[in-house]
PDB file of all heavy atoms in Angstrom:
ATOM      1  N   ARG A   1      89.791 123.446 116.901  1.00  0.00           N
ATOM      2  CA  ARG A   1      89.175 122.080 116.757  1.00  0.00           C
ATOM      3  C   ARG A   1      88.829 121.747 115.294  1.00  0.00           C
ATOM      4  O   ARG A   1      88.980 120.639 114.920  1.00  0.00           O
ATOM      5  CB  ARG A   1      87.823 122.087 117.564  1.00  0.00           C
ATOM      6  CG  ARG A   1      88.114 122.047 119.116  1.00  0.00           C
ATOM      7  CD  ARG A   1      86.858 122.562 119.882  1.00  0.00           C
ATOM      8  NE  ARG A   1      85.681 121.931 119.466  1.00  0.00           N
ATOM      9  CZ  ARG A   1      85.273 120.681 120.073  1.00  0.00           C
ATOM     10  NH1 ARG A   1      85.934 120.186 121.000  1.00  0.00           N
ATOM     11  NH2 ARG A   1      84.118 120.207 119.713  1.00  0.00           N
ATOM     12  N   ILE A   2      88.430 122.750 114.500  1.00  0.00           N
ATOM     13  CA  ILE A   2      88.196 122.486 113.043  1.00  0.00           C
ATOM     14  C   ILE A   2      89.512 122.202 112.405  1.00  0.00           C
ATOM     15  O   ILE A   2      89.544 121.165 111.576  1.00  0.00           O
ATOM     16  CB  ILE A   2      87.562 123.771 112.473  1.00  0.00           C
ATOM     17  CG1 ILE A   2      86.110 123.925 113.000  1.00  0.00           C
ATOM     18  CG2 ILE A   2      87.521 123.588 110.926  1.00  0.00           C
ATOM     19  CD1 ILE A   2      85.498 125.287 112.634  1.00  0.00           C
ATOM     20  N   LEU A   3      90.574 122.918 112.583  1.00  0.00           N
ATOM     21  CA  LEU A   3      91.816 122.632 111.909  1.00  0.00           C
ATOM     22  C   LEU A   3      92.437 121.337 112.416  1.00  0.00           C
ATOM     23  O   LEU A   3      93.210 120.758 111.667  1.00  0.00           O
ATOM     24  CB  LEU A   3      92.815 123.749 112.160  1.00  0.00           C
ATOM     25  CG  LEU A   3      92.471 125.099 111.374  1.00  0.00           C
ATOM     26  CD1 LEU A   3      93.298 126.265 111.863  1.00  0.00           C
ATOM     27  CD2 LEU A   3      92.582 124.883 109.908  1.00  0.00           C
ATOM     28  N   ASP A   4      92.153 120.956 113.619  1.00  0.00           N
ATOM     29  CA  ASP A   4      92.644 119.577 114.080  1.00  0.00           C
ATOM     30  C   ASP A   4      92.174 118.498 113.097  1.00  0.00           C
ATOM     31  O   ASP A   4      92.812 117.566 112.701  1.00  0.00           O
ATOM     32  CB  ASP A   4      92.193 119.357 115.459  1.00  0.00           C
ATOM     33  CG  ASP A   4      92.974 120.075 116.541  1.00  0.00           C
ATOM     34  OD1 ASP A   4      93.993 120.490 116.148  1.00  0.00           O
ATOM     35  OD2 ASP A   4      92.489 120.177 117.671  1.00  0.00           O
ATOM     36  N   VAL A   5      90.917 118.678 112.639  1.00  0.00           N
ATOM     37  CA  VAL A   5      90.330 117.671 111.691  1.00  0.00           C
ATOM     38  C   VAL A   5      90.868 117.799 110.346  1.00  0.00           C
ATOM     39  O   VAL A   5      91.375 116.907 109.675  1.00  0.00           O
ATOM     40  CB  VAL A   5      88.825 117.748 111.708  1.00  0.00           C
ATOM     41  CG1 VAL A   5      88.155 116.834 110.623  1.00  0.00           C
ATOM     42  CG2 VAL A   5      88.191 117.501 113.136  1.00  0.00           C
ATOM     43  N   LEU A   6      90.960 119.118 109.888  1.00  0.00           N
ATOM     44  CA  LEU A   6      91.377 119.349 108.503  1.00  0.00           C
ATOM     45  C   LEU A   6      92.911 119.062 108.340  1.00  0.00           C
ATOM     46  O   LEU A   6      93.327 118.658 107.257  1.00  0.00           O
ATOM     47  CB  LEU A   6      91.166 120.819 108.142  1.00  0.00           C
ATOM     48  CG  LEU A   6      89.690 121.324 108.044  1.00  0.00           C
ATOM     49  CD1 LEU A   6      89.603 122.770 107.739  1.00  0.00           C
ATOM     50  CD2 LEU A   6      88.881 120.461 107.053  1.00  0.00           C
ATOM     51  N   ASP A   7      93.675 119.113 109.449  1.00  0.00           N
ATOM     52  CA  ASP A   7      95.137 118.903 109.299  1.00  0.00           C
ATOM     53  C   ASP A   7      95.487 117.417 109.569  1.00  0.00           C
ATOM     54  O   ASP A   7      96.644 117.079 109.461  1.00  0.00           O
ATOM     55  CB  ASP A   7      95.869 119.781 110.339  1.00  0.00           C
ATOM     56  CG  ASP A   7      95.771 121.275 109.987  1.00  0.00           C
ATOM     57  OD1 ASP A   7      95.456 121.546 108.791  1.00  0.00           O
ATOM     58  OD2 ASP A   7      96.082 122.084 110.826  1.00  0.00           O
ATOM     59  N   THR A   8      94.481 116.617 109.972  1.00  0.00           N
ATOM     60  CA  THR A   8      94.820 115.239 110.265  1.00  0.00           C
ATOM     61  C   THR A   8      94.972 114.452 108.993  1.00  0.00           C
ATOM     62  O   THR A   8      94.015 114.451 108.128  1.00  0.00           O
ATOM     63  CB  THR A   8      93.757 114.640 111.148  1.00  0.00           C
ATOM     64  OG1 THR A   8      93.684 115.262 112.433  1.00  0.00           O
ATOM     65  CG2 THR A   8      94.025 113.131 111.458  1.00  0.00           C
ATOM     66  N   GLU A   9      96.072 113.800 108.799  1.00  0.00           N
ATOM     67  CA  GLU A   9      96.229 113.016 107.581  1.00  0.00           C
ATOM     68  C   GLU A   9      95.817 111.541 107.993  1.00  0.00           C
ATOM     69  O   GLU A   9      96.197 110.986 108.953  1.00  0.00           O
ATOM     70  CB  GLU A   9      97.774 112.952 107.262  1.00  0.00           C
ATOM     71  CG  GLU A   9      98.294 114.226 106.718  1.00  0.00           C
ATOM     72  CD  GLU A   9      97.649 114.583 105.363  1.00  0.00           C
ATOM     73  OE1 GLU A   9      97.223 113.677 104.566  1.00  0.00           O
ATOM     74  OE2 GLU A   9      97.518 115.738 105.048  1.00  0.00           O
ATOM     75  N   PRO A  10      94.952 110.940 107.097  1.00  0.00           N
ATOM     76  CA  PRO A  10      94.455 109.584 107.357  1.00  0.00           C
ATOM     77  C   PRO A  10      95.607 108.575 107.384  1.00  0.00           C
ATOM     78  O   PRO A  10      96.570 108.700 106.593  1.00  0.00           O
ATOM     79  CB  PRO A  10      93.472 109.361 106.261  1.00  0.00           C
ATOM     80  CG  PRO A  10      93.825 110.275 105.208  1.00  0.00           C
ATOM     81  CD  PRO A  10      94.365 111.487 105.888  1.00  0.00           C
ATOM     82  N   THR A  11      95.603 107.626 108.254  1.00  0.00           N
ATOM     83  CA  THR A  11      96.650 106.556 108.328  1.00  0.00           C
ATOM     84  C   THR A  11      96.514 105.548 107.255  1.00  0.00           C
ATOM     85  O   THR A  11      97.413 104.901 106.949  1.00  0.00           O
ATOM     86  CB  THR A  11      96.546 105.874 109.725  1.00  0.00           C
ATOM     87  OG1 THR A  11      95.278 105.433 109.957  1.00  0.00           O
ATOM     88  CG2 THR A  11      96.900 106.841 110.908  1.00  0.00           C
ATOM     89  N   VAL A  12      95.247 105.504 106.666  1.00  0.00           N
ATOM     90  CA  VAL A  12      95.024 104.621 105.525  1.00  0.00           C
ATOM     91  C   VAL A  12      94.866 105.436 104.264  1.00  0.00           C
ATOM     92  O   VAL A  12      93.929 106.274 104.205  1.00  0.00           O
ATOM     93  CB  VAL A  12      93.795 103.744 105.752  1.00  0.00           C
ATOM     94  CG1 VAL A  12      93.432 102.894 104.553  1.00  0.00           C
ATOM     95  CG2 VAL A  12      94.032 102.823 106.973  1.00  0.00           C
ATOM     96  N   SER A  13      95.712 105.252 103.334  1.00  0.00           N
ATOM     97  CA  SER A  13      95.633 105.994 101.986  1.00  0.00           C
ATOM     98  C   SER A  13      96.304 105.149 100.993  1.00  0.00           C
ATOM     99  O   SER A  13      97.030 104.214 101.238  1.00  0.00           O
ATOM    100  CB  SER A  13      96.341 107.355 102.211  1.00  0.00           C
ATOM    101  OG  SER A  13      97.685 107.249 102.545  1.00  0.00           O
ATOM    102  N   SER A  14      96.041 105.537  99.639  1.00  0.00           N
ATOM    103  CA  SER A  14      96.563 104.715  98.584  1.00  0.00           C
ATOM    104  C   SER A  14      98.078 105.033  98.445  1.00  0.00           C
ATOM    105  O   SER A  14      98.558 106.149  98.758  1.00  0.00           O
ATOM    106  CB  SER A  14      95.914 105.153  97.319  1.00  0.00           C
ATOM    107  OG  SER A  14      94.531 104.804  97.293  1.00  0.00           O
ATOM    108  N   PRO A  15      98.828 104.040  98.176  1.00  0.00           N
ATOM    109  CA  PRO A  15     100.309 104.206  98.061  1.00  0.00           C
ATOM    110  C   PRO A  15     100.617 105.190  96.834  1.00  0.00           C
ATOM    111  O   PRO A  15      99.704 105.400  95.978  1.00  0.00           O
ATOM    112  CB  PRO A  15     100.852 102.798  97.745  1.00  0.00           C
ATOM    113  CG  PRO A  15      99.664 102.095  97.224  1.00  0.00           C
ATOM    114  CD  PRO A  15      98.491 102.626  97.810  1.00  0.00           C
ATOM    115  N   ALA A  16     101.854 105.629  96.636  1.00  0.00           N
ATOM    116  CA  ALA A  16     102.209 106.462  95.603  1.00  0.00           C
ATOM    117  C   ALA A  16     102.071 105.854  94.228  1.00  0.00           C
ATOM    118  O   ALA A  16     101.580 106.493  93.313  1.00  0.00           O
ATOM    119  CB  ALA A  16     103.659 106.920  95.795  1.00  0.00           C
ATOM    120  N   GLU A  17     102.362 104.589  94.093  1.00  0.00           N
ATOM    121  CA  GLU A  17     102.163 103.878  92.802  1.00  0.00           C
ATOM    122  C   GLU A  17     101.326 102.587  93.118  1.00  0.00           C
ATOM    123  O   GLU A  17     101.872 101.444  93.240  1.00  0.00           O
ATOM    124  CB  GLU A  17     103.485 103.547  92.191  1.00  0.00           C
ATOM    125  CG  GLU A  17     104.388 104.743  91.865  1.00  0.00           C
ATOM    126  CD  GLU A  17     105.622 104.378  91.174  1.00  0.00           C
ATOM    127  OE1 GLU A  17     105.891 103.086  91.029  1.00  0.00           O
ATOM    128  OE2 GLU A  17     106.434 105.241  90.854  1.00  0.00           O
ATOM    129  N   PRO A  18     100.040 102.746  93.213  1.00  0.00           N
ATOM    130  CA  PRO A  18      99.209 101.586  93.580  1.00  0.00           C
ATOM    131  C   PRO A  18      98.911 100.667  92.418  1.00  0.00           C
ATOM    132  O   PRO A  18      98.991 100.965  91.253  1.00  0.00           O
ATOM    133  CB  PRO A  18      97.898 102.263  94.113  1.00  0.00           C
ATOM    134  CG  PRO A  18      97.769 103.415  93.263  1.00  0.00           C
ATOM    135  CD  PRO A  18      99.223 103.992  93.059  1.00  0.00           C
ATOM    136  N   VAL A  19      98.523  99.415  92.888  1.00  0.00           N
ATOM    137  CA  VAL A  19      98.107  98.467  91.885  1.00  0.00           C
ATOM    138  C   VAL A  19      96.592  98.749  91.527  1.00  0.00           C
ATOM    139  O   VAL A  19      95.718  98.953  92.489  1.00  0.00           O
ATOM    140  CB  VAL A  19      98.151  97.052  92.416  1.00  0.00           C
ATOM    141  CG1 VAL A  19      97.585  96.035  91.483  1.00  0.00           C
ATOM    142  CG2 VAL A  19      99.576  96.686  92.686  1.00  0.00           C
ATOM    143  N   ARG A  20      96.257  99.001  90.289  1.00  0.00           N
ATOM    144  CA  ARG A  20      94.896  99.434  89.922  1.00  0.00           C
ATOM    145  C   ARG A  20      94.045  98.410  89.222  1.00  0.00           C
ATOM    146  O   ARG A  20      92.968  98.731  88.875  1.00  0.00           O
ATOM    147  CB  ARG A  20      95.070 100.740  89.070  1.00  0.00           C
ATOM    148  CG  ARG A  20      95.701 101.819  89.756  1.00  0.00           C
ATOM    149  CD  ARG A  20      95.804 103.098  88.810  1.00  0.00           C
ATOM    150  NE  ARG A  20      96.551 104.194  89.491  1.00  0.00           N
ATOM    151  CZ  ARG A  20      96.038 105.056  90.282  1.00  0.00           C
ATOM    152  NH1 ARG A  20      94.771 104.942  90.681  1.00  0.00           N
ATOM    153  NH2 ARG A  20      96.804 105.939  90.737  1.00  0.00           N
ATOM    154  N   GLU A  21      94.598  97.216  89.045  1.00  0.00           N
ATOM    155  CA  GLU A  21      93.740  96.221  88.293  1.00  0.00           C
ATOM    156  C   GLU A  21      93.727  94.951  89.137  1.00  0.00           C
ATOM    157  O   GLU A  21      94.700  94.576  89.759  1.00  0.00           O
ATOM    158  CB  GLU A  21      94.396  95.910  87.002  1.00  0.00           C
ATOM    159  CG  GLU A  21      94.268  97.141  85.983  1.00  0.00           C
ATOM    160  CD  GLU A  21      94.939  96.721  84.600  1.00  0.00           C
ATOM    161  OE1 GLU A  21      95.267  95.570  84.472  1.00  0.00           O
ATOM    162  OE2 GLU A  21      94.948  97.712  83.726  1.00  0.00           O
ATOM    163  N   LEU A  22      92.620  94.285  89.142  1.00  0.00           N
ATOM    164  CA  LEU A  22      92.384  93.059  89.744  1.00  0.00           C
ATOM    165  C   LEU A  22      91.657  92.084  88.854  1.00  0.00           C
ATOM    166  O   LEU A  22      90.864  92.621  88.067  1.00  0.00           O
ATOM    167  CB  LEU A  22      91.535  93.206  91.173  1.00  0.00           C
ATOM    168  CG  LEU A  22      92.284  93.825  92.307  1.00  0.00           C
ATOM    169  CD1 LEU A  22      91.249  94.121  93.355  1.00  0.00           C
ATOM    170  CD2 LEU A  22      93.376  93.059  92.807  1.00  0.00           C
ATOM    171  N   PRO A  23      91.925  90.752  88.965  1.00  0.00           N
ATOM    172  CA  PRO A  23      91.200  89.856  88.060  1.00  0.00           C
ATOM    173  C   PRO A  23      89.690  89.777  88.437  1.00  0.00           C
ATOM    174  O   PRO A  23      89.399  90.253  89.538  1.00  0.00           O
ATOM    175  CB  PRO A  23      91.897  88.473  88.291  1.00  0.00           C
ATOM    176  CG  PRO A  23      92.539  88.708  89.654  1.00  0.00           C
ATOM    177  CD  PRO A  23      92.935  90.151  89.767  1.00  0.00           C
ATOM    178  N   PRO A  24      88.900  89.242  87.605  1.00  0.00           N
ATOM    179  CA  PRO A  24      87.414  89.192  87.768  1.00  0.00           C
ATOM    180  C   PRO A  24      87.087  88.506  89.114  1.00  0.00           C
ATOM    181  O   PRO A  24      86.190  88.834  89.883  1.00  0.00           O
ATOM    182  CB  PRO A  24      86.853  88.519  86.594  1.00  0.00           C
ATOM    183  CG  PRO A  24      87.830  88.748  85.554  1.00  0.00           C
ATOM    184  CD  PRO A  24      89.201  88.751  86.164  1.00  0.00           C
ATOM    185  N   ARG A  25      87.793  87.339  89.363  1.00  0.00           N
ATOM    186  CA  ARG A  25      87.517  86.529  90.594  1.00  0.00           C
ATOM    187  C   ARG A  25      88.849  86.524  91.419  1.00  0.00           C
ATOM    188  O   ARG A  25      89.956  86.231  90.900  1.00  0.00           O
ATOM    189  CB  ARG A  25      87.102  85.123  90.204  1.00  0.00           C
ATOM    190  CG  ARG A  25      85.788  85.012  89.461  1.00  0.00           C
ATOM    191  CD  ARG A  25      85.600  83.645  88.841  1.00  0.00           C
ATOM    192  NE  ARG A  25      85.383  82.685  89.974  1.00  0.00           N
ATOM    193  CZ  ARG A  25      84.240  82.402  90.552  1.00  0.00           C
ATOM    194  NH1 ARG A  25      83.181  83.177  90.221  1.00  0.00           N
ATOM    195  NH2 ARG A  25      84.126  81.448  91.355  1.00  0.00           N
ATOM    196  N   VAL A  26      88.649  86.891  92.701  1.00  0.00           N
ATOM    197  CA  VAL A  26      89.822  87.063  93.506  1.00  0.00           C
ATOM    198  C   VAL A  26      89.804  86.123  94.739  1.00  0.00           C
ATOM    199  O   VAL A  26      88.717  85.789  95.130  1.00  0.00           O
ATOM    200  CB  VAL A  26      90.064  88.614  93.986  1.00  0.00           C
ATOM    201  CG1 VAL A  26      90.221  89.434  92.763  1.00  0.00           C
ATOM    202  CG2 VAL A  26      88.837  89.018  94.779  1.00  0.00           C
ATOM    203  N   THR A  27      90.927  85.925  95.307  1.00  0.00           N
ATOM    204  CA  THR A  27      91.050  85.131  96.528  1.00  0.00           C
ATOM    205  C   THR A  27      91.448  86.097  97.703  1.00  0.00           C
ATOM    206  O   THR A  27      92.243  87.010  97.529  1.00  0.00           O
ATOM    207  CB  THR A  27      92.142  84.057  96.454  1.00  0.00           C
ATOM    208  OG1 THR A  27      91.760  83.163  95.374  1.00  0.00           O
ATOM    209  CG2 THR A  27      92.277  83.280  97.768  1.00  0.00           C
ATOM    210  N   LEU A  28      90.819  85.971  98.830  1.00  0.00           N
ATOM    211  CA  LEU A  28      91.090  86.732 100.010  1.00  0.00           C
ATOM    212  C   LEU A  28      91.907  85.867 100.998  1.00  0.00           C
ATOM    213  O   LEU A  28      91.552  84.730 101.248  1.00  0.00           O
ATOM    214  CB  LEU A  28      89.795  87.193 100.740  1.00  0.00           C
ATOM    215  CG  LEU A  28      89.999  87.848 102.174  1.00  0.00           C
ATOM    216  CD1 LEU A  28      90.796  89.163 101.998  1.00  0.00           C
ATOM    217  CD2 LEU A  28      88.759  88.107 102.718  1.00  0.00           C
ATOM    218  N   GLU A  29      93.034  86.325 101.398  1.00  0.00           N
ATOM    219  CA  GLU A  29      93.812  85.592 102.331  1.00  0.00           C
ATOM    220  C   GLU A  29      94.455  86.469 103.380  1.00  0.00           C
ATOM    221  O   GLU A  29      94.907  87.541 103.139  1.00  0.00           O
ATOM    222  CB  GLU A  29      95.033  84.992 101.543  1.00  0.00           C
ATOM    223  CG  GLU A  29      95.955  84.038 102.410  1.00  0.00           C
ATOM    224  CD  GLU A  29      97.080  83.415 101.614  1.00  0.00           C
ATOM    225  OE1 GLU A  29      97.147  83.720 100.325  1.00  0.00           O
ATOM    226  OE2 GLU A  29      97.918  82.684 102.124  1.00  0.00           O
ATOM    227  N   LEU A  30      94.501  85.971 104.675  1.00  0.00           N
ATOM    228  CA  LEU A  30      95.095  86.631 105.788  1.00  0.00           C
ATOM    229  C   LEU A  30      96.248  85.708 106.250  1.00  0.00           C
ATOM    230  O   LEU A  30      96.058  84.503 106.383  1.00  0.00           O
ATOM    231  CB  LEU A  30      94.101  86.844 106.970  1.00  0.00           C
ATOM    232  CG  LEU A  30      93.276  88.129 106.910  1.00  0.00           C
ATOM    233  CD1 LEU A  30      92.278  88.098 105.746  1.00  0.00           C
ATOM    234  CD2 LEU A  30      92.618  88.358 108.266  1.00  0.00           C
ATOM    235  N   ARG A  31      97.419  86.327 106.406  1.00  0.00           N
ATOM    236  CA  ARG A  31      98.542  85.635 106.824  1.00  0.00           C
ATOM    237  C   ARG A  31      99.180  86.207 108.170  1.00  0.00           C
ATOM    238  O   ARG A  31      99.624  87.351 108.157  1.00  0.00           O
ATOM    239  CB  ARG A  31      99.731  85.753 105.799  1.00  0.00           C
ATOM    240  CG  ARG A  31      99.384  84.996 104.456  1.00  0.00           C
ATOM    241  CD  ARG A  31     100.593  85.167 103.450  1.00  0.00           C
ATOM    242  NE  ARG A  31     100.238  84.622 102.109  1.00  0.00           N
ATOM    243  CZ  ARG A  31     100.991  84.720 101.151  1.00  0.00           C
ATOM    244  NH1 ARG A  31     102.133  85.463 101.141  1.00  0.00           N
ATOM    245  NH2 ARG A  31     100.655  84.181  99.947  1.00  0.00           N
ATOM    246  N   ASP A  32      98.918  85.538 109.213  1.00  0.00           N
ATOM    247  CA  ASP A  32      99.356  85.887 110.542  1.00  0.00           C
ATOM    248  C   ASP A  32      98.980  87.312 110.887  1.00  0.00           C
ATOM    249  O   ASP A  32      99.746  88.193 111.369  1.00  0.00           O
ATOM    250  CB  ASP A  32     100.866  85.731 110.733  1.00  0.00           C
ATOM    251  CG  ASP A  32     101.341  84.285 110.651  1.00  0.00           C
ATOM    252  OD1 ASP A  32     100.634  83.480 111.212  1.00  0.00           O
ATOM    253  OD2 ASP A  32     102.347  83.980 110.035  1.00  0.00           O
ATOM    254  N   ALA A  33      97.765  87.721 110.508  1.00  0.00           N
ATOM    255  CA  ALA A  33      97.264  89.127 110.687  1.00  0.00           C
ATOM    256  C   ALA A  33      97.039  89.426 112.100  1.00  0.00           C
ATOM    257  O   ALA A  33      96.534  88.494 112.873  1.00  0.00           O
ATOM    258  CB  ALA A  33      95.981  89.296 109.841  1.00  0.00           C
ATOM    259  N   GLY A  34      97.438  90.581 112.532  1.00  0.00           N
ATOM    260  CA  GLY A  34      97.216  91.070 113.852  1.00  0.00           C
ATOM    261  C   GLY A  34      96.924  92.542 113.864  1.00  0.00           C
ATOM    262  O   GLY A  34      97.223  93.259 112.945  1.00  0.00           O
TER     263      GLY A  34
END
């Protein structure tokens, strides 16, 4: 049971080459999100 947790890879993680900078003021937008 312990190793089940330790071996589980999260489905949400940073990409290999992520974007690391955002402007001071940002816009949030959802496009046909489901």
